[in-house]
C-alpha atoms as a PDB file:
ATOM      1  CA  UNK A   1      18.616  -9.065   5.598  1.00  0.00           C
ATOM      2  CA  UNK A   2      18.672  -5.069   6.442  1.00  0.00           C
ATOM      3  CA  UNK A   3      18.334  -2.365   4.055  1.00  0.00           C
ATOM      4  CA  UNK A   4      22.141  -1.455   4.093  1.00  0.00           C
ATOM      5  CA  UNK A   5      23.204  -5.286   3.368  1.00  0.00           C
ATOM      6  CA  UNK A   6      20.786  -5.251   0.586  1.00  0.00           C
ATOM      7  CA  UNK A   7      22.515  -2.192  -0.544  1.00  0.00           C
ATOM      8  CA  UNK A   8      26.182  -3.463  -0.323  1.00  0.00           C
ATOM      9  CA  UNK A   9      25.064  -6.613  -1.956  1.00  0.00           C
ATOM     10  CA  UNK A  10      23.695  -4.822  -5.164  1.00  0.00           C
ATOM     11  CA  UNK A  11      26.916  -3.064  -5.506  1.00  0.00           C
ATOM     12  CA  UNK A  12      28.552  -6.094  -5.643  1.00  0.00           C
ATOM     13  CA  UNK A  13      25.774  -8.537  -7.550  1.00  0.00           C
ATOM     14  CA  UNK A  14      25.451  -5.240 -10.157  1.00  0.00           C
ATOM     15  CA  UNK A  15      29.333  -4.188 -10.074  1.00  0.00           C
ATOM     16  CA  UNK A  16      28.129  -0.745  -9.382  1.00  0.00           C
ATOM     17  CA  UNK A  17      29.476   2.080  -7.152  1.00  0.00           C
ATOM     18  CA  UNK A  18      26.985   3.312  -4.013  1.00  0.00           C
ATOM     19  CA  UNK A  19      26.503   6.818  -6.066  1.00  0.00           C
ATOM     20  CA  UNK A  20      25.305   4.749  -9.060  1.00  0.00           C
ATOM     21  CA  UNK A  21      22.802   2.782  -7.119  1.00  0.00           C
ATOM     22  CA  UNK A  22      21.700   5.787  -5.377  1.00  0.00           C
ATOM     23  CA  UNK A  23      20.924   7.366  -8.554  1.00  0.00           C
ATOM     24  CA  UNK A  24      18.698   4.296  -9.415  1.00  0.00           C
ATOM     25  CA  UNK A  25      16.930   4.558  -6.351  1.00  0.00           C
ATOM     26  CA  UNK A  26      16.521   8.384  -6.730  1.00  0.00           C
ATOM     27  CA  UNK A  27      18.724   9.310  -3.739  1.00  0.00           C
ATOM     28  CA  UNK A  28      21.281  12.041  -3.674  1.00  0.00           C
ATOM     29  CA  UNK A  29      25.277  10.767  -3.014  1.00  0.00           C
ATOM     30  CA  UNK A  30      25.305  12.417   0.094  1.00  0.00           C
ATOM     31  CA  UNK A  31      22.445  10.991   1.358  1.00  0.00           C
ATOM     32  CA  UNK A  32      23.519   7.296   0.224  1.00  0.00           C
ATOM     33  CA  UNK A  33      26.846   7.954   1.928  1.00  0.00           C
ATOM     34  CA  UNK A  34      25.353   9.339   5.416  1.00  0.00           C
ATOM     35  CA  UNK A  35      22.879   6.368   5.275  1.00  0.00           C
ATOM     36  CA  UNK A  36      25.443   3.774   4.555  1.00  0.00           C
ATOM     37  CA  UNK A  37      28.016   4.968   7.478  1.00  0.00           C
ATOM     38  CA  UNK A  38      24.806   5.009   9.615  1.00  0.00           C
ATOM     39  CA  UNK A  39      25.453   8.348  10.562  1.00  0.00           C
ATOM     40  CA  UNK A  40      21.619   8.717   9.529  1.00  0.00           C
ATOM     41  CA  UNK A  41      19.872   5.596   8.718  1.00  0.00           C
ATOM     42  CA  UNK A  42      17.654   5.138   5.260  1.00  0.00           C
ATOM     43  CA  UNK A  43      13.833   5.849   6.377  1.00  0.00           C
ATOM     44  CA  UNK A  44      11.131   3.434   5.940  1.00  0.00           C
ATOM     45  CA  UNK A  45      10.134   5.108   2.907  1.00  0.00           C
ATOM     46  CA  UNK A  46      13.792   5.124   1.507  1.00  0.00           C
ATOM     47  CA  UNK A  47      13.902   1.436   2.376  1.00  0.00           C
ATOM     48  CA  UNK A  48      11.464   0.562   0.473  1.00  0.00           C
ATOM     49  CA  UNK A  49      12.488   2.241  -2.479  1.00  0.00           C
ATOM     50  CA  UNK A  50      15.298   0.621  -2.481  1.00  0.00           C
ATOM     51  CA  UNK A  51      14.465  -2.568  -2.108  1.00  0.00           C
ATOM     52  CA  UNK A  52      11.979  -2.055  -5.282  1.00  0.00           C
ATOM     53  CA  UNK A  53      14.736  -0.971  -6.952  1.00  0.00           C
ATOM     54  CA  UNK A  54      16.676  -3.407  -6.261  1.00  0.00           C
ATOM     55  CA  UNK A  55      13.941  -5.851  -7.187  1.00  0.00           C
ATOM     56  CA  UNK A  56      13.720  -4.591 -10.275  1.00  0.00           C
ATOM     57  CA  UNK A  57      17.008  -3.906 -11.150  1.00  0.00           C
ATOM     58  CA  UNK A  58      17.556  -7.895 -10.751  1.00  0.00           C
ATOM     59  CA  UNK A  59      14.318  -8.238 -12.926  1.00  0.00           C
ATOM     60  CA  UNK A  60      16.049  -6.193 -15.600  1.00  0.00           C
ATOM     61  CA  UNK A  61      19.077  -7.962 -15.343  1.00  0.00           C
ATOM     62  CA  UNK A  62      17.360 -11.661 -15.708  1.00  0.00           C
ATOM     63  CA  UNK A  63      15.528 -10.356 -19.024  1.00  0.00           C
ATOM     64  CA  UNK A  64      18.784  -9.578 -20.523  1.00  0.00           C
ATOM     65  CA  UNK A  65      21.249 -12.437 -20.486  1.00  0.00           C
ATOM     66  CA  UNK A  66      24.235  -9.930 -21.613  1.00  0.00           C
ATOM     67  CA  UNK A  67      26.018  -8.138 -18.749  1.00  0.00           C
ATOM     68  CA  UNK A  68      24.349  -4.329 -18.669  1.00  0.00           C
ATOM     69  CA  UNK A  69      26.300  -1.339 -18.536  1.00  0.00           C
ATOM     70  CA  UNK A  70      24.558   0.199 -15.747  1.00  0.00           C
ATOM     71  CA  UNK A  71      26.797   3.478 -15.610  1.00  0.00           C
ATOM     72  CA  UNK A  72      24.223   4.370 -19.062  1.00  0.00           C
ATOM     73  CA  UNK A  73      21.607   5.630 -16.738  1.00  0.00           C
ATOM     74  CA  UNK A  74      19.752   7.382 -19.399  1.00  0.00           C
ATOM     75  CA  UNK A  75      19.172   4.592 -21.309  1.00  0.00           C
ATOM     76  CA  UNK A  76      18.731   2.169 -18.622  1.00  0.00           C
ATOM     77  CA  UNK A  77      16.828   3.828 -15.892  1.00  0.00           C
ATOM     78  CA  UNK A  78      13.637   3.827 -17.788  1.00  0.00           C
ATOM     79  CA  UNK A  79      13.402   0.008 -17.946  1.00  0.00           C
ATOM     80  CA  UNK A  80      14.201  -0.279 -14.172  1.00  0.00           C
ATOM     81  CA  UNK A  81      11.726   2.097 -13.619  1.00  0.00           C
ATOM     82  CA  UNK A  82       9.127   0.539 -15.730  1.00  0.00           C
ATOM     83  CA  UNK A  83       9.671  -3.081 -13.565  1.00  0.00           C
ATOM     84  CA  UNK A  84       9.665  -1.140 -10.028  1.00  0.00           C
ATOM     85  CA  UNK A  85       6.179  -0.094 -11.444  1.00  0.00           C
ATOM     86  CA  UNK A  86       5.013  -3.252 -12.478  1.00  0.00           C
ATOM     87  CA  UNK A  87       6.170  -5.041  -9.224  1.00  0.00           C
ATOM     88  CA  UNK A  88       4.551  -2.469  -7.344  1.00  0.00           C
ATOM     89  CA  UNK A  89       1.475  -3.026  -9.372  1.00  0.00           C
ATOM     90  CA  UNK A  90       1.588  -6.740  -8.831  1.00  0.00           C
ATOM     91  CA  UNK A  91       2.340  -6.399  -5.052  1.00  0.00           C
ATOM     92  CA  UNK A  92      -0.344  -3.611  -4.269  1.00  0.00           C
ATOM     93  CA  UNK A  93      -3.290  -3.657  -7.654  1.00  0.00           C
ATOM     94  CA  UNK A  94      -5.527  -1.110  -8.117  1.00  0.00           C
ATOM     95  CA  UNK A  95      -9.137  -2.310  -7.526  1.00  0.00           C
ATOM     96  CA  UNK A  96     -11.565  -1.290  -9.905  1.00  0.00           C
ATOM     97  CA  UNK A  97     -14.319  -1.192  -8.093  1.00  0.00           C
ATOM     98  CA  UNK A  98     -15.666  -1.543  -3.855  1.00  0.00           C
ATOM     99  CA  UNK A  99     -18.059  -0.798  -1.720  1.00  0.00           C
ATOM    100  CA  UNK A 100     -18.765   2.128   0.713  1.00  0.00           C
ATOM    101  CA  UNK A 101     -21.074   2.824   3.373  1.00  0.00           C
ATOM    102  CA  UNK A 102     -23.145   6.063   3.083  1.00  0.00           C
ATOM    103  CA  UNK A 103     -24.400   7.495   6.495  1.00  0.00           C
ATOM    104  CA  UNK A 104     -25.700  11.279   5.319  1.00  0.00           C
ATOM    105  CA  UNK A 105     -25.660  12.414   1.963  1.00  0.00           C
ATOM    106  CA  UNK A 106     -22.631  14.166   1.994  1.00  0.00           C
ATOM    107  CA  UNK A 107     -20.982  11.535   4.504  1.00  0.00           C
ATOM    108  CA  UNK A 108     -19.273   8.444   4.669  1.00  0.00           C
ATOM    109  CA  UNK A 109     -18.351   5.609   6.882  1.00  0.00           C
ATOM    110  CA  UNK A 110     -14.752   6.274   8.391  1.00  0.00           C
ATOM    111  CA  UNK A 111     -14.573   3.987  11.451  1.00  0.00           C
ATOM    112  CA  UNK A 112     -15.759   3.542  14.733  1.00  0.00           C
ATOM    113  CA  UNK A 113     -13.106   5.200  17.451  1.00  0.00           C
ATOM    114  CA  UNK A 114     -14.228   4.685  21.317  1.00  0.00           C
ATOM    115  CA  UNK A 115     -17.892   3.878  20.486  1.00  0.00           C
ATOM    116  CA  UNK A 116     -17.982   7.229  18.275  1.00  0.00           C
ATOM    117  CA  UNK A 117     -18.734   6.586  14.240  1.00  0.00           C
ATOM    118  CA  UNK A 118     -16.961   8.867  12.519  1.00  0.00           C
ATOM    119  CA  UNK A 119     -17.593  10.071   8.941  1.00  0.00           C
ATOM    120  CA  UNK A 120     -15.753  11.732   5.793  1.00  0.00           C
ATOM    121  CA  UNK A 121     -17.330  13.680   2.932  1.00  0.00           C
ATOM    122  CA  UNK A 122     -14.694  11.837   0.912  1.00  0.00           C
ATOM    123  CA  UNK A 123     -15.228   8.576  -0.655  1.00  0.00           C
ATOM    124  CA  UNK A 124     -11.411   8.468  -1.636  1.00  0.00           C
ATOM    125  CA  UNK A 125     -10.734   8.695   2.460  1.00  0.00           C
ATOM    126  CA  UNK A 126     -13.590   6.382   3.600  1.00  0.00           C
ATOM    127  CA  UNK A 127     -13.723   3.071   4.483  1.00  0.00           C
ATOM    128  CA  UNK A 128     -13.842   0.683   0.927  1.00  0.00           C
ATOM    129  CA  UNK A 129     -14.878  -2.536   1.162  1.00  0.00           C
ATOM    130  CA  UNK A 130     -14.112  -5.005  -1.758  1.00  0.00           C
ATOM    131  CA  UNK A 131     -16.235  -8.148   0.062  1.00  0.00           C
ATOM    132  CA  UNK A 132     -20.175  -6.753  -0.523  1.00  0.00           C
ATOM    133  CA  UNK A 133     -21.190  -9.523   2.597  1.00  0.00           C
ATOM    134  CA  UNK A 134     -18.562  -7.563   4.721  1.00  0.00           C
ATOM    135  CA  UNK A 135     -19.875  -4.182   3.457  1.00  0.00           C
ATOM    136  CA  UNK A 136     -23.299  -5.319   4.750  1.00  0.00           C
ATOM    137  CA  UNK A 137     -22.209  -6.258   8.026  1.00  0.00           C
ATOM    138  CA  UNK A 138     -20.582  -3.066   9.036  1.00  0.00           C
ATOM    139  CA  UNK A 139     -24.093  -1.500   7.566  1.00  0.00           C
ATOM    140  CA  UNK A 140     -26.028  -4.301  10.516  1.00  0.00           C
ATOM    141  CA  UNK A 141     -23.510  -3.546  13.359  1.00  0.00           C
ATOM    142  CA  UNK A 142     -23.914   0.676  12.714  1.00  0.00           C
ATOM    143  CA  UNK A 143     -27.671   0.334  12.752  1.00  0.00           C
ATOM    144  CA  UNK A 144     -26.811  -1.400  15.924  1.00  0.00           C
ATOM    145  CA  UNK A 145     -25.251   1.669  17.200  1.00  0.00           C
ATOM    146  CA  UNK A 146     -28.221   3.477  16.316  1.00  0.00           C
ATOM    147  CA  UNK A 147     -26.536   5.134  13.112  1.00  0.00           C
ATOM    148  CA  UNK A 148     -28.300   4.777  10.054  1.00  0.00           C
ATOM    149  CA  UNK A 149     -26.460   3.573   6.936  1.00  0.00           C
ATOM    150  CA  UNK A 150     -26.648   1.947   3.493  1.00  0.00           C
ATOM    151  CA  UNK A 151     -23.605   0.216   1.296  1.00  0.00           C
ATOM    152  CA  UNK A 152     -23.381   1.886  -2.444  1.00  0.00           C
ATOM    153  CA  UNK A 153     -20.904   0.446  -4.752  1.00  0.00           C
ATOM    154  CA  UNK A 154     -17.853   2.967  -5.976  1.00  0.00           C
ATOM    155  CA  UNK A 155     -15.798   2.959  -8.998  1.00  0.00           C
ATOM    156  CA  UNK A 156     -13.122   3.808  -6.497  1.00  0.00           C
ATOM    157  CA  UNK A 157      -9.619   2.717  -8.265  1.00  0.00           C
ATOM    158  CA  UNK A 158      -7.936   2.753  -4.904  1.00  0.00           C
ATOM    159  CA  UNK A 159      -5.248   0.452  -4.258  1.00  0.00           C
ATOM    160  CA  UNK A 160      -5.849  -2.764  -2.570  1.00  0.00           C
ATOM    161  CA  UNK A 161      -3.991  -2.009   0.594  1.00  0.00           C
ATOM    162  CA  UNK A 162      -6.155   1.052   1.370  1.00  0.00           C
ATOM    163  CA  UNK A 163      -9.431  -0.988   1.378  1.00  0.00           C
ATOM    164  CA  UNK A 164     -10.825  -2.995   4.953  1.00  0.00           C
ATOM    165  CA  UNK A 165     -10.730  -6.071   4.740  1.00  0.00           C
ATOM    166  CA  UNK A 166     -12.117  -6.996   8.509  1.00  0.00           C
ATOM    167  CA  UNK A 167     -14.687  -5.249  11.064  1.00  0.00           C
ATOM    168  CA  UNK A 168     -11.403  -4.736  13.135  1.00  0.00           C
ATOM    169  CA  UNK A 169      -9.551  -2.559  10.951  1.00  0.00           C
ATOM    170  CA  UNK A 170     -12.927  -0.411  10.797  1.00  0.00           C
ATOM    171  CA  UNK A 171     -13.298  -0.251  14.743  1.00  0.00           C
ATOM    172  CA  UNK A 172     -16.069  -3.144  15.048  1.00  0.00           C
ATOM    173  CA  UNK A 173     -16.083  -6.594  16.520  1.00  0.00           C
ATOM    174  CA  UNK A 174     -17.161  -9.600  14.909  1.00  0.00           C
ATOM    175  CA  UNK A 175     -20.598 -10.776  16.470  1.00  0.00           C
ATOM    176  CA  UNK A 176     -20.950 -14.111  17.544  1.00  0.00           C
ATOM    177  CA  UNK A 177     -23.770 -16.040  15.654  1.00  0.00           C
ATOM    178  CA  UNK A 178     -26.107 -16.068  18.482  1.00  0.00           C
ATOM    179  CA  UNK A 179     -26.004 -12.132  18.764  1.00  0.00           C
ATOM    180  CA  UNK A 180     -26.789 -11.309  15.665  1.00  0.00           C
ATOM    181  CA  UNK A 181     -30.531 -12.739  15.813  1.00  0.00           C
ATOM    182  CA  UNK A 182     -31.084 -10.861  18.740  1.00  0.00           C
ATOM    183  CA  UNK A 183     -33.431  -7.497  17.928  1.00  0.00           C
ATOM    184  CA  UNK A 184     -34.793  -9.283  14.851  1.00  0.00           C
ATOM    185  CA  UNK A 185     -37.366 -10.735  16.707  1.00  0.00           C
END
């Protein structure tokens, strides 16, 4: 279901006007009007915010078995905002520790692009791995490319969506089992 249909359905489901739904989302009434008439469609971040807010409103409504006066935005919006935050945390939790690849004293591995190893001085921008074995495989492949590297553990407090979950994400190719043993003899 497209975001405009979801928005209009929420208006009916919760008996709210378009500007009131917009206030819960954090959008100005004129912006909502222009988007719903498709003059200027909602962008990706607005669409995501609308979907998250509608899900949070549904959650608040399901927790309270009585009708809610949604017009009391000053009292109800904090509940909706709290549920939005909880839903976001469930969908994309913060990972407390991860593994980074150190290339130099001040440089961390970012990715491989066109055969070049790219680095960054910031551990918050570097490629981060939840899986120690995957991080070590990256180190092995970097050494094969002629780049010295080592795995280090960090308390990163990063969202899971910012982590690297495969070799392909960082510009490397999975190595066939027979190839992995070459160069060790």
